[in-house]
N, C-alpha and C. Protein backbone atom coordinates (compact mmCIF):
# COMPACT_ATOMS: atom_id res chain seq x y z
N MET A 1 2.04 22.36 -0.12
CA MET A 1 1.77 21.48 -0.99
C MET A 1 2.43 20.30 -0.66
N PRO A 2 2.17 19.18 0.20
CA PRO A 2 3.10 18.18 0.46
C PRO A 2 3.15 16.93 -0.79
N ARG A 3 4.10 16.67 -0.85
CA ARG A 3 4.66 15.89 -2.09
C ARG A 3 4.92 14.33 -1.62
N LEU A 4 4.50 13.46 -2.38
CA LEU A 4 4.31 11.95 -1.87
C LEU A 4 4.99 11.23 -3.03
N LEU A 5 6.03 10.43 -2.76
CA LEU A 5 6.56 9.48 -3.61
C LEU A 5 6.01 8.04 -3.25
N ASP A 6 5.35 7.53 -4.63
CA ASP A 6 4.58 6.06 -4.21
C ASP A 6 5.26 5.08 -5.11
N LEU A 7 6.26 4.26 -4.27
CA LEU A 7 7.27 3.24 -4.88
C LEU A 7 6.59 1.98 -5.14
N PHE A 8 6.76 1.28 -6.17
CA PHE A 8 6.00 -0.01 -6.40
C PHE A 8 4.48 0.14 -6.61
N CYS A 9 4.22 1.23 -7.22
CA CYS A 9 3.01 2.02 -7.00
C CYS A 9 1.72 1.21 -7.55
N GLY A 10 1.95 0.10 -8.42
CA GLY A 10 0.81 -0.42 -9.19
C GLY A 10 -0.35 0.61 -9.74
N ALA A 11 -1.38 0.26 -9.56
CA ALA A 11 -2.41 1.05 -10.45
C ALA A 11 -3.07 2.21 -9.40
N GLY A 12 -2.44 2.40 -8.25
CA GLY A 12 -2.64 3.79 -7.49
C GLY A 12 -3.81 3.50 -6.28
N GLY A 13 -4.10 2.35 -5.99
CA GLY A 13 -4.90 2.33 -4.73
C GLY A 13 -4.30 3.13 -3.60
N ALA A 14 -3.11 2.83 -3.11
CA ALA A 14 -2.39 3.58 -2.03
C ALA A 14 -2.34 5.03 -2.46
N ALA A 15 -2.00 5.23 -3.44
CA ALA A 15 -2.01 6.75 -3.80
C ALA A 15 -3.21 7.47 -3.93
N MET A 16 -4.36 6.92 -4.15
CA MET A 16 -5.60 7.61 -3.93
C MET A 16 -5.86 7.85 -2.65
N GLY A 17 -5.53 6.97 -1.46
CA GLY A 17 -5.80 7.33 -0.21
C GLY A 17 -5.08 8.24 0.31
N TYR A 18 -3.75 8.38 -0.20
CA TYR A 18 -2.96 9.68 0.28
C TYR A 18 -3.47 10.87 -0.20
N HIS A 19 -4.11 10.81 -1.44
CA HIS A 19 -4.59 12.04 -2.18
C HIS A 19 -5.79 12.65 -1.19
N ARG A 20 -6.49 11.70 -0.95
CA ARG A 20 -7.95 11.83 -0.24
C ARG A 20 -7.52 12.50 1.24
N ALA A 21 -6.30 11.80 1.68
CA ALA A 21 -5.87 12.61 3.00
C ALA A 21 -5.40 13.81 2.87
N GLY A 22 -4.92 14.36 1.82
CA GLY A 22 -4.49 15.75 1.40
C GLY A 22 -3.21 15.88 0.98
N PHE A 23 -2.52 14.95 0.29
CA PHE A 23 -1.32 15.20 -0.32
C PHE A 23 -1.75 15.55 -1.68
N ASP A 24 -1.00 16.57 -2.23
CA ASP A 24 -1.65 17.32 -3.44
C ASP A 24 -0.78 16.86 -4.59
N GLU A 25 0.50 16.49 -4.39
CA GLU A 25 1.12 16.17 -5.75
C GLU A 25 1.89 14.77 -5.26
N ILE A 26 1.42 13.61 -6.08
CA ILE A 26 1.93 12.26 -5.82
C ILE A 26 2.69 11.72 -7.32
N VAL A 27 3.79 11.41 -6.89
CA VAL A 27 4.52 10.62 -8.21
C VAL A 27 4.68 9.24 -7.93
N GLY A 28 4.11 8.26 -8.89
CA GLY A 28 4.31 6.89 -8.67
C GLY A 28 5.28 6.23 -9.42
N VAL A 29 5.92 5.34 -9.04
CA VAL A 29 7.18 4.77 -9.82
C VAL A 29 6.84 3.31 -9.60
N ASP A 30 6.99 2.44 -11.00
CA ASP A 30 6.73 1.14 -11.02
C ASP A 30 7.51 0.59 -12.37
N ILE A 31 8.09 -0.80 -12.06
CA ILE A 31 8.77 -1.28 -13.10
C ILE A 31 7.94 -1.83 -14.35
N LYS A 32 6.57 -1.84 -14.17
CA LYS A 32 5.77 -2.11 -15.14
C LYS A 32 4.87 -0.87 -15.63
N PRO A 33 4.36 -0.90 -16.84
CA PRO A 33 3.75 0.22 -17.16
C PRO A 33 2.23 0.03 -16.30
N GLN A 34 1.78 1.33 -15.88
CA GLN A 34 0.48 1.48 -15.28
C GLN A 34 -0.56 2.44 -15.81
N LYS A 35 -1.16 2.17 -16.99
CA LYS A 35 -1.92 3.03 -17.62
C LYS A 35 -3.12 3.53 -16.98
N HIS A 36 -3.52 2.96 -15.74
CA HIS A 36 -4.65 3.29 -15.05
C HIS A 36 -4.29 4.18 -13.76
N TYR A 37 -2.83 4.34 -13.65
CA TYR A 37 -2.49 5.16 -12.44
C TYR A 37 -2.97 6.62 -12.52
N PRO A 38 -3.50 6.78 -11.45
CA PRO A 38 -4.49 8.35 -11.65
C PRO A 38 -3.46 9.54 -11.31
N PHE A 39 -2.20 9.27 -11.08
CA PHE A 39 -1.31 10.44 -10.72
C PHE A 39 -0.13 10.66 -11.68
N GLU A 40 0.73 11.39 -11.48
CA GLU A 40 1.92 11.26 -12.44
C GLU A 40 2.74 10.02 -12.25
N PHE A 41 2.97 9.40 -13.41
CA PHE A 41 3.69 8.09 -13.35
C PHE A 41 5.03 7.89 -13.95
N VAL A 42 6.09 7.37 -13.43
CA VAL A 42 7.40 7.22 -13.93
C VAL A 42 7.55 5.71 -14.07
N LEU A 43 7.75 5.31 -15.28
CA LEU A 43 8.23 3.92 -15.66
C LEU A 43 9.66 3.74 -15.17
N GLY A 44 10.11 2.71 -14.23
CA GLY A 44 11.38 2.56 -13.94
C GLY A 44 11.43 1.85 -12.68
N ASP A 45 12.87 1.58 -12.05
CA ASP A 45 13.02 0.76 -11.04
C ASP A 45 12.70 1.49 -9.96
N ALA A 46 11.83 1.21 -8.97
CA ALA A 46 11.59 2.12 -7.74
C ALA A 46 12.61 2.46 -6.78
N LEU A 47 13.41 1.40 -6.51
CA LEU A 47 14.54 1.64 -5.56
C LEU A 47 15.60 2.56 -6.15
N GLU A 48 15.98 2.38 -7.45
CA GLU A 48 16.78 3.21 -8.01
C GLU A 48 16.27 4.73 -8.13
N TYR A 49 14.86 4.86 -8.40
CA TYR A 49 14.37 6.17 -8.47
C TYR A 49 14.54 6.89 -6.98
N CYS A 50 14.27 6.05 -6.04
CA CYS A 50 14.11 6.60 -4.62
C CYS A 50 15.64 7.01 -4.24
N ALA A 51 16.51 6.12 -4.63
CA ALA A 51 18.00 6.67 -4.15
C ALA A 51 18.16 7.86 -4.86
N ALA A 52 17.82 8.15 -6.05
CA ALA A 52 18.23 9.34 -6.75
C ALA A 52 17.19 10.65 -6.46
N HIS A 53 16.06 10.49 -6.12
CA HIS A 53 15.15 11.53 -5.96
C HIS A 53 14.16 11.56 -4.66
N GLY A 54 14.47 10.50 -3.87
CA GLY A 54 13.60 10.37 -2.55
C GLY A 54 13.64 11.75 -1.83
N GLY A 55 14.77 12.33 -1.71
CA GLY A 55 15.16 13.45 -0.82
C GLY A 55 14.34 14.55 -1.50
N ASP A 56 13.59 14.55 -2.45
CA ASP A 56 12.97 15.70 -3.23
C ASP A 56 11.73 15.79 -2.75
N PHE A 57 11.08 14.76 -1.93
CA PHE A 57 9.69 14.53 -1.73
C PHE A 57 9.61 14.96 -0.21
N ASP A 58 8.33 15.10 0.23
CA ASP A 58 8.13 15.29 1.67
C ASP A 58 7.86 13.91 2.36
N ALA A 59 7.46 13.04 1.77
CA ALA A 59 7.04 11.64 2.33
C ALA A 59 7.33 10.46 1.25
N ILE A 60 7.44 9.24 1.72
CA ILE A 60 7.54 8.24 0.80
C ILE A 60 6.53 7.17 1.28
N HIS A 61 5.79 6.32 0.32
CA HIS A 61 5.06 4.95 0.57
C HIS A 61 5.98 4.13 -0.37
N ALA A 62 6.15 2.86 0.24
CA ALA A 62 6.65 1.77 -0.67
C ALA A 62 5.54 0.58 -0.37
N SER A 63 5.54 -0.09 -1.59
CA SER A 63 4.72 -1.47 -1.40
C SER A 63 5.57 -2.44 -2.22
N PRO A 64 6.62 -2.88 -1.57
CA PRO A 64 7.34 -3.86 -2.43
C PRO A 64 6.58 -5.09 -2.83
N PRO A 65 6.72 -5.73 -3.89
CA PRO A 65 6.02 -7.03 -4.32
C PRO A 65 5.90 -7.97 -3.14
N CYS A 66 4.73 -8.30 -2.82
CA CYS A 66 4.56 -9.41 -1.38
C CYS A 66 4.51 -10.91 -1.81
N GLN A 67 4.81 -11.25 -3.11
CA GLN A 67 4.63 -12.65 -3.52
C GLN A 67 5.63 -13.45 -2.65
N ALA A 68 6.86 -13.06 -2.34
CA ALA A 68 7.79 -13.83 -1.59
C ALA A 68 7.23 -14.37 -0.27
N PHE A 69 6.18 -13.65 0.43
CA PHE A 69 5.74 -13.80 1.75
C PHE A 69 4.52 -14.29 1.70
N THR A 70 3.78 -14.57 0.53
CA THR A 70 2.02 -14.96 0.72
C THR A 70 2.16 -16.44 0.95
N ILE A 71 0.87 -16.86 1.30
CA ILE A 71 0.48 -18.19 1.36
C ILE A 71 0.53 -19.12 0.18
N ALA A 72 0.51 -18.30 -0.99
CA ALA A 72 0.46 -19.23 -2.22
C ALA A 72 2.13 -19.56 -2.56
N ARG A 73 3.04 -18.73 -1.95
CA ARG A 73 4.41 -18.98 -2.18
C ARG A 73 4.68 -20.29 -1.42
N VAL A 74 4.20 -20.27 -0.20
CA VAL A 74 4.37 -21.35 0.70
C VAL A 74 3.76 -22.71 0.29
N ILE A 75 2.69 -22.57 -0.40
CA ILE A 75 1.90 -23.78 -0.72
C ILE A 75 2.54 -24.34 -2.14
N HIS A 76 2.73 -23.48 -3.10
CA HIS A 76 3.33 -23.77 -4.32
C HIS A 76 4.78 -23.91 -4.47
N GLY A 77 5.40 -23.30 -3.66
CA GLY A 77 6.87 -23.16 -3.61
C GLY A 77 7.60 -22.21 -4.79
N ARG A 78 6.69 -21.48 -5.06
CA ARG A 78 7.30 -20.55 -6.20
C ARG A 78 8.44 -19.61 -5.71
N PRO A 79 9.51 -19.50 -6.47
CA PRO A 79 10.64 -18.58 -5.86
C PRO A 79 10.19 -17.12 -6.37
N HIS A 80 10.38 -16.20 -5.46
CA HIS A 80 10.17 -14.61 -5.78
C HIS A 80 11.26 -13.88 -5.00
N SER A 81 11.56 -12.77 -5.66
CA SER A 81 12.65 -11.87 -5.19
C SER A 81 12.17 -11.34 -3.80
N ASP A 82 12.93 -11.11 -2.79
CA ASP A 82 12.72 -10.31 -1.56
C ASP A 82 12.99 -8.60 -2.00
N LEU A 83 12.11 -7.94 -2.40
CA LEU A 83 12.57 -6.56 -2.65
C LEU A 83 12.09 -5.66 -1.29
N LEU A 84 11.45 -6.41 -0.23
CA LEU A 84 11.19 -5.73 0.99
C LEU A 84 12.64 -5.36 1.81
N THR A 85 13.26 -6.30 1.83
CA THR A 85 14.62 -6.12 2.75
C THR A 85 15.41 -4.87 2.22
N PRO A 86 15.64 -4.79 0.91
CA PRO A 86 16.45 -3.48 0.47
C PRO A 86 15.74 -2.38 0.58
N THR A 87 14.37 -2.34 0.64
CA THR A 87 13.64 -1.31 0.61
C THR A 87 14.04 -0.16 1.64
N ARG A 88 13.82 -0.80 3.04
CA ARG A 88 13.87 -0.05 4.18
C ARG A 88 15.15 0.78 4.31
N PRO A 89 16.48 0.44 3.85
CA PRO A 89 17.61 1.25 4.10
C PRO A 89 17.53 2.40 2.98
N ILE A 90 17.04 2.25 1.84
CA ILE A 90 17.04 3.00 0.93
C ILE A 90 15.98 4.27 1.30
N LEU A 91 15.01 3.79 2.04
CA LEU A 91 13.99 4.99 2.43
C LEU A 91 14.62 5.80 3.74
N GLN A 92 15.36 4.89 4.53
CA GLN A 92 16.13 5.66 5.64
C GLN A 92 17.05 6.58 5.06
N ARG A 93 17.81 6.28 4.04
CA ARG A 93 18.77 7.23 3.44
C ARG A 93 18.15 8.57 2.79
N ALA A 94 17.08 8.22 2.39
CA ALA A 94 16.33 9.45 1.84
C ALA A 94 16.19 10.56 2.77
N GLY A 95 15.73 10.03 4.04
CA GLY A 95 15.73 11.26 5.13
C GLY A 95 14.31 11.71 5.25
N ARG A 96 13.31 11.28 4.74
CA ARG A 96 12.01 11.53 4.65
C ARG A 96 11.13 10.45 5.31
N PRO A 97 9.94 11.17 6.11
CA PRO A 97 9.09 10.00 6.73
C PRO A 97 8.76 9.18 5.62
N TRP A 98 8.46 7.73 5.96
CA TRP A 98 8.00 6.80 5.16
C TRP A 98 7.14 5.98 5.78
N VAL A 99 6.43 5.17 4.86
CA VAL A 99 5.59 3.94 5.27
C VAL A 99 6.02 2.72 4.16
N ILE A 100 6.05 1.55 4.70
CA ILE A 100 5.98 0.48 3.97
C ILE A 100 4.99 -0.33 4.22
N GLU A 101 4.23 -1.03 3.04
CA GLU A 101 3.28 -1.87 3.23
C GLU A 101 3.58 -3.43 2.65
N ASN A 102 3.11 -4.21 3.36
CA ASN A 102 3.07 -5.70 2.87
C ASN A 102 1.94 -6.44 3.43
N VAL A 103 2.26 -7.90 3.20
CA VAL A 103 1.29 -8.89 3.67
C VAL A 103 1.59 -9.59 5.03
N PRO A 104 0.75 -9.93 5.85
CA PRO A 104 1.05 -10.78 6.85
C PRO A 104 2.02 -11.85 6.42
N ARG A 105 2.97 -12.09 7.52
CA ARG A 105 3.98 -13.04 7.13
C ARG A 105 5.47 -12.21 6.91
N ALA A 106 5.12 -11.17 6.17
CA ALA A 106 6.26 -10.31 5.77
C ALA A 106 7.30 -10.12 6.81
N PRO A 107 8.50 -9.92 6.68
CA PRO A 107 9.54 -9.64 7.86
C PRO A 107 9.60 -8.32 7.93
N MET A 108 8.73 -7.66 8.60
CA MET A 108 8.63 -6.18 8.79
C MET A 108 7.94 -5.93 10.23
N ARG A 109 8.03 -4.78 10.82
CA ARG A 109 7.56 -4.36 12.08
C ARG A 109 5.92 -3.98 11.58
N ALA A 110 5.15 -4.59 12.58
CA ALA A 110 3.74 -4.25 12.08
C ALA A 110 2.94 -3.05 13.12
N ASP A 111 3.41 -1.95 12.69
CA ASP A 111 3.09 -0.55 13.44
C ASP A 111 1.50 -0.71 13.36
N TYR A 112 1.09 -0.86 12.04
CA TYR A 112 -0.24 -0.77 11.80
C TYR A 112 -0.85 -2.04 11.12
N ILE A 113 -1.88 -2.79 11.70
CA ILE A 113 -2.49 -3.78 11.04
C ILE A 113 -3.89 -3.44 10.57
N LEU A 114 -4.02 -3.28 9.28
CA LEU A 114 -5.42 -2.60 8.82
C LEU A 114 -6.04 -3.57 7.84
N CYS A 115 -7.44 -3.46 8.01
CA CYS A 115 -8.53 -4.54 7.23
C CYS A 115 -9.45 -3.72 6.80
N GLY A 116 -10.22 -4.23 5.74
CA GLY A 116 -11.16 -3.45 5.41
C GLY A 116 -12.51 -3.17 6.26
N SER A 117 -12.62 -4.19 7.22
CA SER A 117 -13.73 -4.19 8.07
C SER A 117 -13.47 -3.13 9.20
N MET A 118 -12.38 -2.67 9.36
CA MET A 118 -12.10 -1.33 10.17
C MET A 118 -12.72 -0.22 9.66
N PHE A 119 -13.03 -0.11 8.22
CA PHE A 119 -13.36 1.21 7.47
C PHE A 119 -14.78 1.25 6.95
N GLY A 120 -15.52 0.30 7.69
CA GLY A 120 -16.95 0.30 7.17
C GLY A 120 -17.44 -0.77 5.88
N GLU A 121 -16.42 -1.65 5.79
CA GLU A 121 -16.72 -2.64 4.79
C GLU A 121 -16.36 -3.93 5.41
N PRO A 122 -17.68 -4.56 6.06
CA PRO A 122 -17.37 -5.80 6.64
C PRO A 122 -17.16 -7.07 5.73
N ARG A 123 -17.54 -6.88 4.59
CA ARG A 123 -17.13 -8.02 3.57
C ARG A 123 -15.84 -7.99 3.21
N LEU A 124 -14.96 -6.94 3.31
CA LEU A 124 -13.57 -7.05 2.94
C LEU A 124 -12.41 -7.47 3.96
N LYS A 125 -12.24 -8.78 4.13
CA LYS A 125 -11.30 -9.43 4.94
C LYS A 125 -9.82 -9.22 4.19
N ARG A 126 -9.20 -8.21 4.22
CA ARG A 126 -7.93 -8.08 3.46
C ARG A 126 -6.91 -7.26 4.46
N HIS A 127 -6.10 -8.31 5.26
CA HIS A 127 -5.32 -7.61 6.26
C HIS A 127 -3.94 -7.25 5.57
N ARG A 128 -3.39 -6.05 5.92
CA ARG A 128 -2.06 -5.64 5.45
C ARG A 128 -1.36 -4.96 6.72
N LEU A 129 0.04 -5.29 6.67
CA LEU A 129 0.77 -4.50 7.52
C LEU A 129 1.52 -3.43 7.06
N PHE A 130 1.43 -2.37 7.89
CA PHE A 130 2.25 -1.08 7.59
C PHE A 130 3.19 -0.89 8.55
N GLU A 131 4.59 -0.43 8.21
CA GLU A 131 5.67 -0.19 9.13
C GLU A 131 5.90 1.16 8.80
N ALA A 132 5.96 2.21 9.82
CA ALA A 132 6.11 3.56 9.69
C ALA A 132 7.14 4.04 10.32
N SER A 133 7.97 5.06 9.68
CA SER A 133 9.31 5.55 10.15
C SER A 133 9.07 6.28 11.37
N TRP A 134 7.91 6.72 11.95
CA TRP A 134 7.53 7.29 13.47
C TRP A 134 7.47 6.09 14.29
N GLY A 135 7.39 4.90 13.96
CA GLY A 135 7.61 3.83 15.01
C GLY A 135 5.99 3.30 15.25
N PRO A 136 6.16 2.46 16.23
CA PRO A 136 4.84 1.62 16.48
C PRO A 136 3.68 2.59 16.95
N VAL A 137 2.49 2.21 16.49
CA VAL A 137 1.28 2.96 17.03
C VAL A 137 1.02 2.89 18.27
N SER A 138 0.55 4.08 18.90
CA SER A 138 -0.02 4.11 20.26
C SER A 138 -1.32 4.29 20.50
N GLU A 139 -1.95 4.61 19.42
CA GLU A 139 -3.42 4.78 19.33
C GLU A 139 -4.32 3.48 19.20
N LEU A 140 -5.51 3.63 19.79
CA LEU A 140 -6.40 2.36 19.78
C LEU A 140 -7.03 2.49 18.35
N LEU A 141 -6.69 1.25 17.62
CA LEU A 141 -7.31 1.08 16.29
C LEU A 141 -8.80 0.51 16.45
N PRO A 142 -9.47 0.59 15.37
CA PRO A 142 -10.94 -0.09 15.53
C PRO A 142 -10.57 -1.46 15.27
N PRO A 143 -11.43 -2.14 15.91
CA PRO A 143 -11.31 -3.73 15.60
C PRO A 143 -12.01 -4.12 14.28
N CYS A 144 -11.33 -5.65 13.95
CA CYS A 144 -11.81 -6.12 12.72
C CYS A 144 -13.37 -6.18 12.92
N GLN A 145 -14.21 -6.09 11.96
CA GLN A 145 -15.76 -6.50 12.13
C GLN A 145 -16.15 -7.16 10.87
N HIS A 146 -15.47 -8.40 10.68
CA HIS A 146 -15.93 -9.05 9.47
C HIS A 146 -17.50 -9.66 9.43
N GLY A 147 -18.12 -9.60 8.44
CA GLY A 147 -19.47 -9.88 8.19
C GLY A 147 -19.48 -11.38 7.81
N SER A 148 -20.57 -11.93 7.73
CA SER A 148 -20.96 -13.47 7.69
C SER A 148 -20.51 -13.52 5.95
N GLU A 149 -20.54 -12.60 5.22
CA GLU A 149 -20.24 -12.65 3.75
C GLU A 149 -18.70 -11.90 3.48
N ILE A 150 -18.01 -12.79 3.02
CA ILE A 150 -16.40 -12.31 2.84
C ILE A 150 -16.40 -12.39 1.31
N VAL A 151 -16.04 -11.06 0.56
CA VAL A 151 -15.68 -11.05 -0.79
C VAL A 151 -14.06 -11.09 -0.81
N SER A 152 -13.59 -12.27 -1.33
CA SER A 152 -12.08 -12.38 -1.52
C SER A 152 -11.73 -11.83 -2.85
N VAL A 153 -10.57 -10.99 -2.90
CA VAL A 153 -9.98 -10.22 -3.83
C VAL A 153 -8.62 -10.84 -3.96
N PHE A 154 -8.38 -11.74 -4.87
CA PHE A 154 -7.00 -12.05 -5.15
C PHE A 154 -6.66 -12.43 -6.58
N GLY A 155 -5.34 -12.75 -6.78
CA GLY A 155 -4.93 -12.84 -8.08
C GLY A 155 -5.19 -14.18 -8.83
N HIS A 156 -4.04 -15.18 -8.66
CA HIS A 156 -4.09 -16.38 -9.57
C HIS A 156 -4.42 -17.68 -8.55
N GLY A 157 -4.97 -17.41 -7.58
CA GLY A 157 -5.26 -18.58 -6.51
C GLY A 157 -6.40 -18.45 -5.80
N GLY A 158 -6.81 -19.37 -4.75
CA GLY A 158 -7.80 -19.39 -4.05
C GLY A 158 -9.16 -20.12 -4.64
N HIS A 159 -10.14 -20.00 -3.83
CA HIS A 159 -11.32 -20.76 -4.18
C HIS A 159 -12.60 -20.09 -4.23
N VAL A 160 -12.51 -18.77 -3.85
CA VAL A 160 -13.79 -17.88 -3.97
C VAL A 160 -13.61 -16.90 -5.14
N TYR A 161 -14.46 -16.76 -6.07
CA TYR A 161 -14.22 -15.96 -6.98
C TYR A 161 -15.65 -14.87 -6.98
N HIS A 162 -15.49 -13.48 -7.34
CA HIS A 162 -16.48 -12.70 -7.43
C HIS A 162 -16.16 -11.67 -8.73
N GLY A 163 -17.25 -11.08 -9.15
CA GLY A 163 -17.14 -10.17 -10.29
C GLY A 163 -16.53 -9.03 -9.94
N VAL A 164 -15.92 -8.46 -11.13
CA VAL A 164 -15.07 -7.26 -10.92
C VAL A 164 -15.95 -6.01 -10.25
N ALA A 165 -16.92 -5.98 -10.59
CA ALA A 165 -17.98 -5.08 -10.01
C ALA A 165 -17.96 -5.06 -8.73
N GLU A 166 -18.24 -6.32 -8.15
CA GLU A 166 -18.14 -6.36 -6.58
C GLU A 166 -16.66 -6.19 -6.10
N TRP A 167 -15.88 -6.52 -6.58
CA TRP A 167 -14.48 -6.28 -6.20
C TRP A 167 -14.22 -4.65 -6.13
N ARG A 168 -14.50 -4.14 -6.93
CA ARG A 168 -14.51 -2.49 -6.84
C ARG A 168 -15.15 -1.94 -5.90
N GLU A 169 -16.59 -2.42 -5.69
CA GLU A 169 -17.42 -1.91 -4.57
C GLU A 169 -16.62 -2.17 -3.27
N VAL A 170 -16.19 -3.34 -2.95
CA VAL A 170 -15.81 -3.63 -1.71
C VAL A 170 -14.41 -2.91 -1.29
N MET A 171 -13.63 -2.78 -2.43
CA MET A 171 -12.32 -2.22 -2.28
C MET A 171 -12.41 -0.67 -2.16
N GLY A 172 -13.50 -0.09 -2.74
CA GLY A 172 -13.46 1.42 -2.93
C GLY A 172 -12.69 1.94 -4.11
N ILE A 173 -12.58 1.10 -5.23
CA ILE A 173 -11.83 1.26 -6.22
C ILE A 173 -12.61 1.25 -7.52
N ASP A 174 -12.96 2.22 -8.51
CA ASP A 174 -13.69 2.44 -9.66
C ASP A 174 -12.84 2.34 -10.77
N TRP A 175 -11.44 2.31 -10.87
CA TRP A 175 -10.84 2.81 -12.28
C TRP A 175 -9.94 1.46 -12.46
N MET A 176 -9.84 0.45 -11.64
CA MET A 176 -9.21 -0.63 -12.05
C MET A 176 -9.68 -1.93 -12.80
N ILE A 177 -8.87 -2.73 -13.41
CA ILE A 177 -9.41 -4.07 -13.94
C ILE A 177 -9.04 -5.05 -13.03
N ARG A 178 -9.32 -6.29 -13.24
CA ARG A 178 -9.24 -7.30 -12.18
C ARG A 178 -7.91 -7.75 -11.70
N ASP A 179 -6.86 -7.86 -12.59
CA ASP A 179 -5.48 -8.08 -12.25
C ASP A 179 -5.04 -7.09 -11.35
N GLU A 180 -5.45 -5.64 -11.54
CA GLU A 180 -4.99 -4.71 -10.75
C GLU A 180 -5.66 -4.53 -9.31
N LEU A 181 -6.92 -4.98 -9.42
CA LEU A 181 -7.50 -5.08 -8.21
C LEU A 181 -6.91 -6.06 -7.32
N SER A 182 -6.67 -7.08 -7.68
CA SER A 182 -5.91 -8.40 -6.94
C SER A 182 -4.86 -8.01 -6.32
N GLN A 183 -4.03 -6.86 -6.52
CA GLN A 183 -2.90 -6.44 -5.95
C GLN A 183 -3.00 -5.10 -5.31
N ALA A 184 -4.25 -4.41 -5.16
CA ALA A 184 -4.45 -3.33 -4.76
C ALA A 184 -4.50 -3.11 -3.20
N ILE A 185 -4.05 -1.81 -2.86
CA ILE A 185 -4.25 -1.45 -1.41
C ILE A 185 -5.54 -0.77 -1.45
N PRO A 186 -6.79 -0.99 -0.46
CA PRO A 186 -7.71 -0.08 -0.43
C PRO A 186 -7.53 1.26 -0.07
N PRO A 187 -7.95 2.20 -0.87
CA PRO A 187 -7.69 3.63 -0.52
C PRO A 187 -8.00 4.12 1.01
N ALA A 188 -8.91 3.33 1.39
CA ALA A 188 -9.26 3.77 2.80
C ALA A 188 -8.20 3.57 3.81
N TYR A 189 -7.28 2.42 3.62
CA TYR A 189 -6.27 1.95 4.49
C TYR A 189 -5.10 3.44 4.44
N THR A 190 -4.86 3.68 3.25
CA THR A 190 -3.84 4.80 3.11
C THR A 190 -4.43 6.48 3.59
N GLU A 191 -5.57 6.54 3.29
CA GLU A 191 -6.27 7.78 3.90
C GLU A 191 -6.28 7.91 5.13
N PHE A 192 -6.33 6.78 5.89
CA PHE A 192 -6.36 6.71 7.40
C PHE A 192 -5.02 7.02 7.69
N LEU A 193 -3.84 6.39 7.05
CA LEU A 193 -2.55 6.62 7.60
C LEU A 193 -1.86 7.93 6.85
N GLY A 194 -2.39 8.30 5.69
CA GLY A 194 -1.98 9.56 5.24
C GLY A 194 -2.28 10.76 6.08
N LYS A 195 -3.32 10.79 6.88
CA LYS A 195 -3.71 11.69 7.80
C LYS A 195 -2.61 11.65 8.98
N ARG A 196 -2.17 10.75 9.45
CA ARG A 196 -1.06 10.61 10.35
C ARG A 196 0.26 11.05 9.96
N LEU A 197 0.57 10.67 8.67
CA LEU A 197 1.73 11.11 7.88
C LEU A 197 1.60 12.65 7.97
N LEU A 198 0.72 13.13 7.39
CA LEU A 198 0.63 14.72 7.38
C LEU A 198 1.03 15.27 8.92
N ALA A 199 0.40 14.73 9.92
CA ALA A 199 0.56 15.09 11.35
C ALA A 199 1.97 15.05 11.54
N VAL A 200 2.82 14.08 11.15
CA VAL A 200 4.27 13.89 11.23
C VAL A 200 5.09 15.14 10.67
N LEU A 201 4.59 15.13 9.35
CA LEU A 201 5.14 16.39 8.62
C LEU A 201 5.05 17.67 9.25
N GLU A 202 3.80 17.93 9.93
CA GLU A 202 3.43 19.15 10.47
C GLU A 202 4.31 19.24 11.74
N ASP A 203 4.66 18.21 12.48
CA ASP A 203 5.44 18.12 13.64
C ASP A 203 6.82 18.58 13.34
N ILE A 204 7.39 18.14 12.18
CA ILE A 204 8.74 18.27 12.17
C ILE A 204 8.85 19.67 11.01
N GLY A 205 7.72 20.32 10.79
CA GLY A 205 7.79 21.63 10.09
C GLY A 205 8.09 21.65 8.54
N ALA A 206 7.73 20.25 7.89
CA ALA A 206 7.97 19.98 6.63
C ALA A 206 7.12 20.92 5.73
C-alpha cells in the first residue's frame, strides 16, 4: 500500500491524480484549512511536517506556492515569499522519491512540462513544471494540442472568465469551488506522473 505525502496540498487536485495512479494512502498538509480535500488532511506548516515525518512515507509530492514566480507578480510587483527554494533540500533529506510542481519561470529543473491538451482536453492551456528526484525525463511526451477555444482558469487576474462548471469540466475536478480551482493541478497530470513514481518505487523495492 504505497503512501504519499502531499505538501502544500490545496484542495487536492494533485492528490486525486496520484490516487487514480494507484497510491492507496495519501496525507495532505497545508497551512490553510482545506475542507474539500478528499483524503486525510493535516493543518500545519508543510516543510516542518516533512522534516519530521517525510521519511515515514513512500513518496512525496510538493506544490510550494507559485505566486513569487507568476506573470502577475512581474506585472504588479507584489512581493511573495519563495517557498520553492527551501523545499528541495528538505525533500532530499527525507530520503524518499519526490516530485516538485510549479509554474513556468520558477527556478527549478523542468523534467516534465505538462499541459491539459496532452491529456485529451485541448481547451485547457495550463502548463506546469515538474522536477522529479529520478532526474530528467527520457521518454517522448505527447505534444501540446491546444484547440481554438481556450478556457482560462486563474485566480485574481487575467481577462478571460468562465463559469465554475466549465472550469470543473476542463480541469477534471468536480469537488472544488472557484478559488480552489484557480490554484489546482489537474489530476490528469499527477496520474501520469504517479504511474512513473510507482515504477520508481518498484525499482527500489519500496
